[in-house]
């Protein structure tokens, strides 16, 4: 019985120590993107509102022209970004004042690309 317990414990110990090896994952270059691919704007009641969104990747800018007059000091903007990318300098999760442009920083999945974006919201 002691032999069986010893064998089982040995297998468990071997399994645990064998699984702690560092794995280096290589991200293909074509996935190293830090892009904004979509934008949704919400009013202060968190209801989606219409807007004409222009994303200029080369300039790193997003221009949002609201379809109807809104209080731009009380909006929430959500971003859709490149697959696997991370927002490292976020806009925030609550309603905010967009009367002046905001900066957001996005990092690619492997961390090789870090891009700053200027987000500007204007009324029609």
Protein backbone atom coordinates (compact mmCIF):
# COMPACT_ATOMS: atom_id res chain seq x y z
CA UNK A 1 0.00 0.00 0.00
CA UNK A 2 2.86 2.38 0.83
CA UNK A 3 4.38 1.63 -2.57
CA UNK A 4 1.17 2.59 -4.36
CA UNK A 5 0.93 5.87 -2.42
CA UNK A 6 4.61 6.58 -3.20
CA UNK A 7 4.06 5.91 -6.92
CA UNK A 8 0.91 8.08 -7.05
CA UNK A 9 2.64 10.96 -5.23
CA UNK A 10 5.66 10.64 -7.54
CA UNK A 11 3.42 10.87 -10.61
CA UNK A 12 1.61 13.91 -9.22
CA UNK A 13 4.88 15.64 -8.33
CA UNK A 14 6.35 14.89 -11.76
CA UNK A 15 3.19 16.19 -13.46
CA UNK A 16 3.18 19.43 -11.48
CA UNK A 17 6.87 20.21 -11.94
CA UNK A 18 6.76 19.27 -15.61
CA UNK A 19 3.97 21.81 -16.30
CA UNK A 20 5.80 24.87 -15.02
CA UNK A 21 7.94 25.33 -18.11
CA UNK A 22 7.80 28.81 -19.68
CA UNK A 23 6.24 28.86 -23.12
CA UNK A 24 7.33 31.52 -25.58
CA UNK A 25 4.45 32.27 -27.91
CA UNK A 26 5.39 33.98 -31.14
CA UNK A 27 2.74 36.33 -32.57
CA UNK A 28 2.84 36.57 -36.39
CA UNK A 29 3.69 40.07 -37.62
CA UNK A 30 0.36 40.48 -39.44
CA UNK A 31 -1.42 40.20 -36.06
CA UNK A 32 0.71 42.89 -34.40
CA UNK A 33 -1.93 45.58 -34.81
CA UNK A 34 -3.13 48.28 -32.42
CA UNK A 35 -6.08 49.56 -34.40
CA UNK A 36 -9.52 50.91 -33.57
CA UNK A 37 -12.00 49.05 -35.76
CA UNK A 38 -15.31 50.33 -34.42
CA UNK A 39 -16.94 52.89 -32.13
CA UNK A 40 -20.25 53.06 -30.28
CA UNK A 41 -21.50 56.21 -28.55
CA UNK A 42 -23.99 56.24 -25.67
CA UNK A 43 -25.85 59.12 -24.07
CA UNK A 44 -25.93 59.71 -20.31
CA UNK A 45 -28.75 57.13 -19.97
CA UNK A 46 -26.47 54.56 -21.67
CA UNK A 47 -28.67 54.39 -24.76
CA UNK A 48 -26.73 54.00 -28.02
CA UNK A 49 -26.97 57.09 -30.20
CA UNK A 50 -26.30 57.46 -33.90
CA UNK A 51 -23.09 58.99 -35.13
CA UNK A 52 -20.95 59.25 -38.24
CA UNK A 53 -17.58 57.79 -37.27
CA UNK A 54 -14.41 58.37 -39.28
CA UNK A 55 -11.43 56.23 -38.26
CA UNK A 56 -8.13 57.45 -39.74
CA UNK A 57 -5.58 54.76 -38.94
CA UNK A 58 -2.68 56.59 -40.54
CA UNK A 59 -3.28 59.72 -38.45
CA UNK A 60 -4.30 57.75 -35.35
CA UNK A 61 -7.55 59.66 -35.02
CA UNK A 62 -11.25 58.98 -34.62
CA UNK A 63 -13.73 61.72 -35.50
CA UNK A 64 -17.27 61.19 -34.21
CA UNK A 65 -20.03 63.48 -35.51
CA UNK A 66 -23.24 62.87 -33.60
CA UNK A 67 -26.42 62.51 -35.70
CA UNK A 68 -28.46 64.63 -33.29
CA UNK A 69 -27.58 67.38 -30.84
CA UNK A 70 -26.40 65.81 -27.57
CA UNK A 71 -24.83 66.98 -24.34
CA UNK A 72 -21.24 66.03 -25.19
CA UNK A 73 -20.24 66.57 -21.58
CA UNK A 74 -22.27 63.44 -20.68
CA UNK A 75 -21.33 60.66 -23.14
CA UNK A 76 -19.83 57.20 -23.03
CA UNK A 77 -17.71 55.98 -25.95
CA UNK A 78 -16.78 52.32 -26.40
CA UNK A 79 -14.13 51.09 -28.81
CA UNK A 80 -13.72 47.88 -30.77
CA UNK A 81 -10.02 47.16 -31.28
CA UNK A 82 -7.78 44.74 -33.16
CA UNK A 83 -8.09 41.10 -32.15
CA UNK A 84 -5.87 40.37 -29.14
CA UNK A 85 -4.89 44.02 -28.63
CA UNK A 86 -5.14 45.75 -25.26
CA UNK A 87 -6.17 49.27 -24.33
CA UNK A 88 -3.40 50.38 -21.96
CA UNK A 89 -4.54 53.98 -21.57
CA UNK A 90 -8.34 53.68 -21.55
CA UNK A 91 -11.07 56.25 -22.07
CA UNK A 92 -12.83 55.17 -18.91
CA UNK A 93 -15.88 53.07 -18.25
CA UNK A 94 -18.38 55.71 -17.21
CA UNK A 95 -20.09 58.73 -18.78
CA UNK A 96 -17.50 61.45 -19.45
CA UNK A 97 -17.03 64.94 -20.81
CA UNK A 98 -16.06 64.83 -24.51
CA UNK A 99 -16.08 68.59 -25.06
CA UNK A 100 -12.33 68.28 -25.65
CA UNK A 101 -10.51 65.45 -27.45
CA UNK A 102 -9.33 62.40 -25.47
CA UNK A 103 -6.27 60.22 -25.98
CA UNK A 104 -6.28 56.43 -25.81
CA UNK A 105 -3.31 54.08 -26.19
CA UNK A 106 -3.64 50.61 -27.70
CA UNK A 107 -0.99 47.88 -27.59
CA UNK A 108 -0.77 45.00 -30.07
CA UNK A 109 -1.06 41.38 -28.82
CA UNK A 110 2.68 40.80 -28.61
CA UNK A 111 3.46 44.30 -27.35
CA UNK A 112 5.53 45.25 -30.41
CA UNK A 113 3.16 48.03 -31.50
CA UNK A 114 1.84 50.75 -29.22
CA UNK A 115 -0.31 53.38 -30.84
CA UNK A 116 -1.89 56.56 -29.48
CA UNK A 117 -5.28 57.57 -30.81
CA UNK A 118 -7.04 60.94 -30.56
CA UNK A 119 -10.81 60.62 -30.03
CA UNK A 120 -12.89 63.68 -30.91
CA UNK A 121 -16.66 64.01 -30.55
CA UNK A 122 -18.64 66.88 -32.08
CA UNK A 123 -22.31 67.79 -32.42
CA UNK A 124 -23.83 68.15 -35.91
